[in-house]
Protein backbone atom coordinates (compact mmCIF):
# COMPACT_ATOMS: atom_id res chain seq x y z
CA MET A 1 9.16 -35.51 22.98
CA ASN A 2 9.65 -33.38 26.14
CA PRO A 3 7.06 -30.70 25.23
CA ILE A 4 6.97 -27.19 26.71
CA LEU A 5 3.80 -25.90 28.39
CA THR A 6 3.10 -22.47 26.86
CA PHE A 7 -0.47 -21.79 28.03
CA GLN A 8 -3.07 -23.34 30.33
CA GLU A 9 -6.54 -22.35 31.52
CA ASP A 10 -9.26 -24.14 33.47
CA VAL A 11 -11.97 -25.00 30.94
CA LYS A 12 -14.16 -27.07 33.27
CA PRO A 13 -16.38 -24.13 34.39
CA LEU A 14 -17.15 -23.26 30.77
CA LEU A 15 -17.93 -26.86 29.82
CA THR A 16 -20.06 -27.33 32.93
CA GLU A 17 -22.11 -24.25 32.09
CA LEU A 18 -22.50 -25.43 28.49
CA GLY A 19 -23.82 -28.78 29.67
CA SER A 20 -26.24 -27.05 32.04
CA TYR A 21 -27.51 -24.70 29.31
CA ILE A 22 -28.08 -27.55 26.85
CA ALA A 23 -29.95 -29.53 29.52
CA GLN A 24 -32.19 -26.54 30.32
CA HIS A 25 -32.78 -25.71 26.63
CA PRO A 26 -33.09 -29.14 24.98
CA ASP A 27 -34.76 -27.72 21.85
CA ALA A 28 -32.11 -25.05 21.20
CA THR A 29 -29.51 -25.72 18.53
CA LEU A 30 -26.41 -23.81 19.52
CA LEU A 31 -23.81 -22.75 16.93
CA CYS A 32 -20.36 -21.24 17.44
CA PRO A 33 -18.64 -18.60 15.28
CA VAL A 34 -15.26 -19.09 13.63
CA ALA A 35 -13.78 -16.34 15.82
CA ARG A 36 -14.70 -18.27 18.99
CA PRO A 37 -14.65 -21.95 18.08
CA LEU A 38 -16.18 -24.33 20.58
CA PRO A 39 -15.69 -27.95 19.46
CA GLY A 40 -18.84 -30.01 19.93
CA LEU A 41 -21.00 -27.25 18.44
CA PRO A 42 -21.58 -26.76 14.70
CA MET A 43 -19.39 -23.90 13.48
CA ILE A 44 -20.76 -21.08 11.35
CA PRO A 45 -18.63 -20.53 8.21
CA GLU A 46 -16.58 -17.35 8.12
CA ASN A 47 -18.31 -16.13 4.95
CA ALA A 48 -21.86 -16.49 6.32
CA GLU A 49 -24.23 -13.84 5.00
CA HIS A 50 -25.33 -11.15 7.47
CA LEU A 51 -29.03 -10.23 7.51
CA TYR A 52 -31.02 -7.65 9.47
CA ARG A 53 -34.71 -8.01 10.26
CA ASN A 54 -36.71 -5.86 12.64
CA TYR A 55 -33.55 -4.41 14.11
CA ARG A 56 -32.10 -7.86 14.79
CA HIS A 57 -28.94 -9.35 13.37
CA TYR A 58 -28.98 -12.80 11.75
CA LEU A 59 -26.53 -15.06 10.01
CA GLN A 60 -27.43 -17.30 7.08
CA THR A 61 -25.80 -20.63 7.96
CA PRO A 62 -25.76 -23.93 6.04
CA TRP A 63 -28.53 -25.14 8.39
CA GLY A 64 -30.75 -22.07 8.31
CA LEU A 65 -31.08 -18.65 9.88
CA ALA A 66 -29.32 -18.10 13.23
CA THR A 67 -29.27 -15.21 15.66
CA TYR A 68 -27.13 -14.24 18.62
CA THR A 69 -27.95 -16.16 21.80
CA ASP A 70 -28.74 -13.94 24.77
CA ILE A 71 -27.06 -15.79 27.63
CA ARG A 72 -27.28 -13.98 30.96
CA TYR A 73 -24.05 -13.40 32.88
CA HIS A 74 -25.59 -13.98 36.32
CA GLN A 75 -26.65 -17.48 35.24
CA TYR A 76 -23.72 -18.44 33.01
CA PRO A 77 -20.70 -16.16 33.72
CA GLN A 78 -18.36 -18.17 31.48
CA LEU A 79 -20.75 -19.11 28.68
CA SER A 80 -22.07 -15.56 28.33
CA TYR A 81 -18.76 -14.56 26.72
CA ALA A 82 -18.70 -17.46 24.23
CA GLY A 83 -20.53 -15.49 21.50
CA LEU A 84 -22.86 -18.37 20.62
CA TYR A 85 -25.71 -18.33 18.11
CA THR A 86 -29.01 -20.24 18.05
CA LEU A 87 -30.69 -21.70 14.98
CA VAL A 88 -34.11 -19.98 14.72
CA GLU A 89 -35.27 -20.85 11.17
CA PRO A 90 -33.98 -24.31 10.18
CA LYS A 91 -33.82 -25.15 6.52
CA PRO A 92 -36.20 -27.92 5.51
CA ASP A 93 -34.60 -31.28 4.84
CA VAL A 94 -31.24 -30.09 6.23
CA VAL A 95 -30.10 -31.89 9.36
CA CYS A 96 -27.99 -29.82 11.75
CA PRO A 97 -25.69 -31.71 14.13
CA ARG A 98 -26.86 -31.58 17.71
CA PRO A 99 -24.64 -29.65 20.15
CA THR A 100 -22.39 -31.82 22.28
CA VAL A 101 -20.46 -30.88 25.40
CA PRO A 102 -16.78 -31.45 24.54
CA ALA A 103 -14.38 -33.15 26.91
CA PRO A 104 -11.25 -31.42 28.27
CA ALA A 105 -8.09 -32.02 26.27
CA VAL A 106 -4.52 -30.82 25.75
CA ALA A 107 -2.87 -29.92 22.44
CA VAL A 108 0.76 -30.52 21.44
CA VAL A 109 1.95 -28.48 18.45
CA GLN A 110 5.19 -28.83 16.51
CA PRO A 111 6.05 -25.12 16.10
CA LEU A 112 8.01 -25.49 12.85
CA ASN A 113 5.63 -27.54 10.69
CA GLY A 114 2.32 -27.19 12.55
CA LEU A 115 1.78 -30.91 13.14
CA THR A 116 -0.66 -31.16 16.04
CA ALA A 117 -1.82 -33.93 18.35
CA VAL A 118 -4.69 -33.60 20.82
CA TYR A 119 -4.85 -35.84 23.88
CA ALA A 120 -7.75 -36.43 26.26
CA GLY A 121 -7.39 -35.00 29.76
CA ASP A 122 -6.61 -31.68 31.38
CA ARG A 123 -2.83 -32.10 31.69
CA LEU A 124 -0.03 -33.82 29.81
CA THR A 125 1.81 -36.64 31.56
CA ALA A 126 4.09 -39.43 30.38
CA GLU A 127 1.12 -41.79 30.66
CA VAL A 128 -1.02 -39.54 28.49
CA LEU A 129 1.72 -39.22 25.87
CA ALA A 130 1.91 -43.01 25.71
CA THR A 131 -1.73 -43.17 24.60
CA ALA A 132 -3.03 -42.54 21.09
CA PRO A 133 -4.10 -38.96 20.31
CA VAL A 134 -7.85 -38.38 20.00
CA TRP A 135 -7.17 -36.10 17.02
CA GLU A 136 -4.23 -35.34 14.75
CA GLY A 137 -3.86 -32.67 12.09
CA LYS A 138 -1.69 -29.92 10.67
CA LEU A 139 -2.08 -26.19 11.34
CA THR A 140 -1.06 -23.23 9.24
CA LEU A 141 0.73 -21.34 11.98
CA PRO A 142 1.05 -17.54 12.17
CA ASP A 143 4.43 -15.92 11.55
CA HIS A 144 4.84 -15.15 15.24
CA TRP A 145 3.92 -17.66 17.93
CA ASN A 146 1.07 -16.43 20.09
CA GLU A 147 -0.36 -18.97 22.51
CA LEU A 148 -3.97 -17.78 22.31
CA ASP A 149 -3.93 -17.57 18.51
CA VAL A 150 -2.46 -21.07 18.16
CA LEU A 151 -4.92 -22.53 20.67
CA ALA A 152 -7.79 -20.90 18.76
CA LEU A 153 -6.51 -22.53 15.55
CA VAL A 154 -6.50 -25.94 17.23
CA ARG A 155 -10.05 -25.44 18.51
CA ARG A 156 -11.20 -24.31 15.07
CA GLU A 157 -9.77 -27.44 13.43
CA LEU A 158 -11.48 -29.61 16.05
CA ALA A 159 -14.82 -27.83 15.53
CA GLN A 160 -14.56 -28.22 11.75
CA ALA A 161 -13.78 -31.90 12.16
CA GLY A 162 -16.71 -32.39 14.54
CA ALA A 163 -14.32 -33.66 17.21
CA PRO A 164 -15.81 -32.94 20.67
CA TRP A 165 -12.58 -32.10 22.49
CA TYR A 166 -11.82 -28.72 24.03
CA PRO A 167 -8.10 -28.16 24.73
CA GLY A 168 -7.35 -25.90 27.66
CA ALA A 169 -3.59 -26.47 27.66
CA LEU A 170 -1.18 -25.81 24.80
CA TYR A 171 2.21 -27.48 24.60
CA ALA A 172 4.96 -26.84 22.06
CA GLU A 173 7.15 -29.72 21.00
CA ARG A 174 10.85 -29.01 21.57
CA VAL A 175 12.68 -28.66 18.27
CA ALA A 176 16.31 -28.75 17.18
CA TYR A 177 16.48 -25.26 15.76
CA PRO A 178 19.25 -22.66 16.07
CA TRP A 179 16.97 -19.71 16.79
CA LEU A 180 14.87 -20.15 19.91
CA THR A 181 13.24 -17.81 22.41
CA PRO A 182 14.15 -18.14 26.11
CA GLU A 183 11.04 -20.32 26.39
CA GLY A 184 12.44 -22.72 23.78
CA LEU A 185 10.11 -21.70 20.94
CA PRO A 186 11.31 -20.91 17.40
CA ALA A 187 12.31 -17.29 16.89
CA GLN A 188 12.88 -15.30 13.72
CA THR A 189 15.70 -16.67 11.54
CA ALA A 190 18.90 -14.61 11.30
CA TYR A 191 20.17 -13.38 7.92
CA ILE A 192 23.45 -12.06 6.49
CA ALA A 193 23.41 -9.73 3.49
CA ASN A 194 26.08 -8.02 1.39
CA GLY A 195 23.93 -5.88 -0.90
CA GLU A 196 23.79 -8.63 -3.54
CA VAL A 197 22.40 -11.66 -1.70
CA ARG A 198 20.71 -12.40 1.61
CA LEU A 199 21.15 -15.81 3.21
CA PRO A 200 19.86 -17.47 6.39
CA VAL A 201 22.40 -17.89 9.17
CA SER A 202 22.43 -20.80 11.62
CA GLY A 203 25.07 -19.28 13.90
CA TYR A 204 27.42 -16.33 14.31
CA VAL A 205 30.12 -14.78 16.50
CA ILE A 206 31.00 -11.07 16.22
CA GLU A 207 33.89 -9.27 17.93
CA PRO A 208 31.96 -6.52 19.77
CA ASP A 209 34.53 -3.70 19.43
CA SER A 210 35.73 -4.11 15.85
CA LYS A 211 32.49 -5.77 14.57
CA GLU A 212 34.66 -8.35 12.81
CA VAL A 213 33.07 -11.67 11.92
CA VAL A 214 34.71 -14.41 13.99
CA TYR A 215 32.37 -17.25 13.03
CA LEU A 216 29.56 -17.48 10.51
CA SER A 217 27.52 -20.55 9.62
CA LEU A 218 25.15 -20.07 6.70
CA VAL A 219 22.99 -22.13 4.38
CA GLY A 220 22.13 -21.31 0.78
CA HIS A 221 22.78 -21.91 -2.89
CA LYS A 222 26.47 -22.26 -3.61
CA THR A 223 26.53 -19.15 -5.80
CA ALA A 224 24.96 -16.99 -3.08
CA ALA A 225 27.13 -18.54 -0.36
CA ARG A 226 30.26 -17.81 -2.39
CA SER A 227 29.12 -14.21 -2.75
CA ILE A 228 29.08 -13.84 1.06
CA TRP A 229 32.41 -15.67 1.26
CA GLY A 230 33.87 -13.32 -1.34
CA SER A 231 32.72 -10.26 0.59
CA LEU A 232 34.59 -11.52 3.65
CA ASN A 233 37.73 -12.57 1.80
CA THR A 234 38.25 -9.67 -0.59
CA MET A 235 41.15 -7.28 -0.07
CA HIS A 236 38.65 -4.43 0.10
CA GLN A 237 36.83 -3.83 3.39
CA ARG A 238 33.25 -4.63 2.41
CA LYS A 239 30.49 -4.16 4.94
CA LEU A 240 27.78 -6.75 5.50
CA THR A 241 24.53 -6.57 7.45
CA LEU A 242 23.66 -9.14 10.11
CA ASP A 243 19.99 -9.23 11.09
CA ALA A 244 19.45 -11.63 14.00
CA PRO A 245 17.02 -11.89 16.92
CA GLY A 246 17.93 -9.03 19.25
CA LEU A 247 20.71 -7.77 16.99
CA HIS A 248 20.88 -5.69 13.82
CA THR A 249 24.39 -4.53 12.99
CA THR A 250 26.97 -3.91 10.28
CA VAL A 251 29.87 -6.37 10.31
CA ILE A 252 33.24 -6.47 8.55
CA SER A 253 35.93 -8.99 7.70
CA SER A 254 39.04 -9.87 9.67
CA HIS A 255 40.66 -11.18 6.42
CA ASN A 256 41.88 -14.24 8.32
CA TYR A 257 39.49 -17.11 7.67
CA ALA A 258 39.34 -20.85 7.24
CA THR A 259 36.28 -22.07 5.34
CA TYR A 260 34.44 -25.39 5.51
CA THR A 261 31.61 -26.43 3.21
CA ALA A 262 29.28 -29.41 3.07
CA SER A 263 26.66 -30.22 0.46
CA VAL A 264 23.07 -30.23 1.71
CA ASP A 265 21.41 -31.03 -1.64
CA ALA A 266 23.65 -31.67 -4.64
CA ASP A 267 20.73 -31.51 -7.09
CA THR A 268 19.81 -27.94 -6.14
CA GLY A 269 23.31 -26.75 -5.25
CA LEU A 270 22.33 -26.11 -1.65
CA LEU A 271 25.24 -26.15 0.77
CA ARG A 272 26.23 -25.23 4.30
CA MET A 273 29.27 -23.02 4.71
CA GLN A 274 31.18 -22.27 7.92
CA ILE A 275 33.58 -19.33 7.90
CA VAL A 276 35.87 -19.27 10.96
CA ASP A 277 38.56 -16.80 11.99
CA ARG A 278 41.84 -18.74 12.20
CA ARG A 279 42.45 -17.29 15.67
CA ALA A 280 39.64 -19.57 16.88
CA LEU A 281 41.54 -22.59 15.53
CA ALA A 282 45.30 -22.02 15.48
CA ALA A 283 47.43 -23.56 18.22
CA ASP A 284 49.62 -20.44 18.42
CA VAL A 285 48.42 -16.86 17.93
CA GLU A 286 49.99 -13.49 18.75
CA ASP A 287 47.53 -10.87 19.94
CA ARG A 288 44.26 -12.64 20.69
CA ALA A 289 42.51 -15.99 20.53
CA TYR A 290 38.82 -16.72 20.20
CA LEU A 291 36.86 -19.41 21.99
CA VAL A 292 33.65 -20.53 20.28
CA ILE A 293 31.49 -22.88 22.35
CA PRO A 294 28.65 -24.67 20.52
CA HIS A 295 25.26 -25.18 22.12
CA GLY A 296 25.04 -28.34 24.18
CA LEU A 297 28.73 -28.62 25.06
CA ASP A 298 29.05 -29.73 28.69
CA ALA A 299 30.88 -27.68 31.33
CA ALA A 300 33.95 -29.95 31.49
CA ALA A 301 34.48 -29.81 27.72
CA SER A 302 33.92 -26.04 27.71
CA ASP A 303 36.52 -25.53 30.45
CA SER A 304 38.98 -27.75 28.63
CA ALA A 305 38.46 -25.79 25.42
CA PHE A 306 39.00 -22.57 27.36
CA ALA A 307 42.37 -23.81 28.55
CA VAL A 308 43.39 -24.76 25.01
CA ARG A 309 42.49 -21.37 23.55
CA LEU A 310 44.15 -19.50 26.43
CA GLY A 311 47.28 -21.59 25.93
CA ALA A 312 47.29 -20.53 22.27
CA VAL A 313 47.74 -16.86 23.18
CA LEU A 314 50.11 -17.24 26.17
CA PRO A 315 53.81 -18.18 26.07
CA ILE A 316 53.12 -21.12 28.41
CA GLY A 317 50.92 -24.16 28.10
CA VAL A 318 47.67 -24.20 30.03
CA PRO A 319 46.58 -27.66 31.29
CA ALA A 320 42.94 -28.58 30.74
CA GLN A 321 42.53 -28.97 34.53
CA TRP A 322 43.12 -25.24 34.96
CA GLY A 323 40.39 -24.20 32.57
CA ALA A 324 37.49 -23.91 35.03
CA LYS A 325 39.42 -21.87 37.64
CA LEU A 326 41.09 -19.56 35.14
CA ARG A 327 37.81 -18.96 33.38
CA GLU A 328 36.07 -18.09 36.66
CA VAL A 329 38.77 -15.79 38.05
CA GLY A 330 39.65 -14.32 34.67
CA ASP A 331 36.02 -13.40 34.13
CA ASP A 332 35.93 -11.64 37.52
CA LEU A 333 39.04 -9.64 36.54
CA GLY A 334 37.65 -8.67 33.14
CA LEU A 335 40.19 -10.75 31.21
CA VAL A 336 37.49 -12.87 29.56
CA ARG A 337 35.64 -10.67 27.08
CA PRO A 338 32.34 -12.04 25.73
CA CYS A 339 31.60 -11.78 22.02
CA LEU A 340 28.24 -11.24 20.37
CA CYS A 341 26.90 -14.65 19.40
CA GLY A 342 23.73 -16.55 18.61
CA GLY A 343 22.17 -19.52 16.86
CA ASP A 344 24.15 -22.73 17.19
CA VAL A 345 26.76 -20.93 19.33
CA GLY A 346 26.18 -21.11 23.07
CA ALA A 347 28.95 -18.69 24.09
CA ALA A 348 32.05 -17.06 22.61
CA TYR A 349 34.96 -15.13 24.12
CA THR A 350 37.99 -13.06 23.18
CA LEU A 351 41.19 -13.94 25.09
CA THR A 352 44.04 -11.46 24.71
CA ALA A 353 47.76 -11.89 25.40
CA ASP A 354 47.52 -9.87 28.61
CA ALA A 355 50.39 -10.15 31.09
CA GLN A 356 47.77 -10.30 33.85
CA TRP A 357 47.12 -13.92 32.88
CA LEU A 358 50.66 -14.88 33.84
CA ASP A 359 50.36 -12.96 37.13
CA LEU A 360 47.05 -14.69 37.80
CA ILE A 361 48.48 -18.15 37.15
CA ALA A 362 51.50 -17.47 39.37
CA GLY A 363 49.27 -16.20 42.16
CA LEU A 364 46.96 -19.20 42.01
CA LEU A 365 49.89 -21.63 42.06
CA ARG A 366 51.20 -19.85 45.13
CA ASP A 367 47.98 -19.26 47.07
CA ASP A 368 45.44 -21.89 46.00
CA PRO A 369 46.26 -25.45 47.19
CA ALA A 370 43.81 -26.89 44.68
CA PHE A 371 45.50 -25.12 41.76
CA VAL A 372 48.52 -27.31 41.04
CA ILE A 373 50.56 -28.45 38.10
CA PRO A 374 49.17 -31.84 36.97
CA GLU A 375 51.39 -34.81 37.80
CA THR A 376 51.51 -35.79 34.14
CA LEU A 377 53.46 -32.57 33.49
CA THR A 378 55.87 -32.91 36.42
CA VAL A 379 57.15 -36.38 35.62
């Protein structure tokens, strides 16, 4: 599972104070509000009726009339901020659950579908993950991930279920998703639009100067996907809008594409379409070549791919063994120009047919003992 820790606080002082308060007030029936759920205590419904008597505020709960509990800060510095209520006029023949001190726990949330597992303990270890969760459920997550909001949702579900566990740590399960924050959490999905349709994008590469689309991977109904394809392949220069995390820009066509499609759901006509500039694929190009590196590709494979794409734009072949050195030095000299990219693309570059590449290769062969022509090419 390899979950990511997104938030953690020490809940033991609060739980200790709660236990002390209950022991010192054995006849008090504590209740918690929905806004500040405290599992182990009965939770007042969100739509509870508000009443005012003799300048005091009350809530009409399923168990009777409750009022705000005056807990002194100097005695209970943590519990005084919990916003608890006390049942003062119980309804006859209605049994209210007794307050229970919850045990510390950790919550693991799947950030795409809201599936949640709560484990006993104050930290998540491999041993803890191997045990059965003390509670499982599904949350309706907010549009934007906020650790405190998500943790409050977990605590609310536990309070509603009467499960006496109080999570102080929130973990997010790692997901295979093209749009992630630097912390590894799902970010807003990217979209491409042409004025007629708007489709989700799983990856893109844009040439930063010309704003030409180099690579576009999208998912949608075949009719809508063909509309985007048509906008990029028409003889007229149609402008499209790319709206991605950290980028909102107008893009245009290079009129030089290869297209690949695969059916996702034949019954609904849903398909995945990849539109790729041929200069990212062709073995021989004139002015420039593109290198598109997918997420997860290891360094050796990336360097080898760099050599292949550089060889496509130069009049000489470039052995795979040269890729790492040429990429490093070429980047220092400004010969490797990064493209705008995101989603399932880890990195992308423009490589031009610059004569400096040939000078660089000649200089490395002359001055760097480790930079040699592979024996397989000298035989």
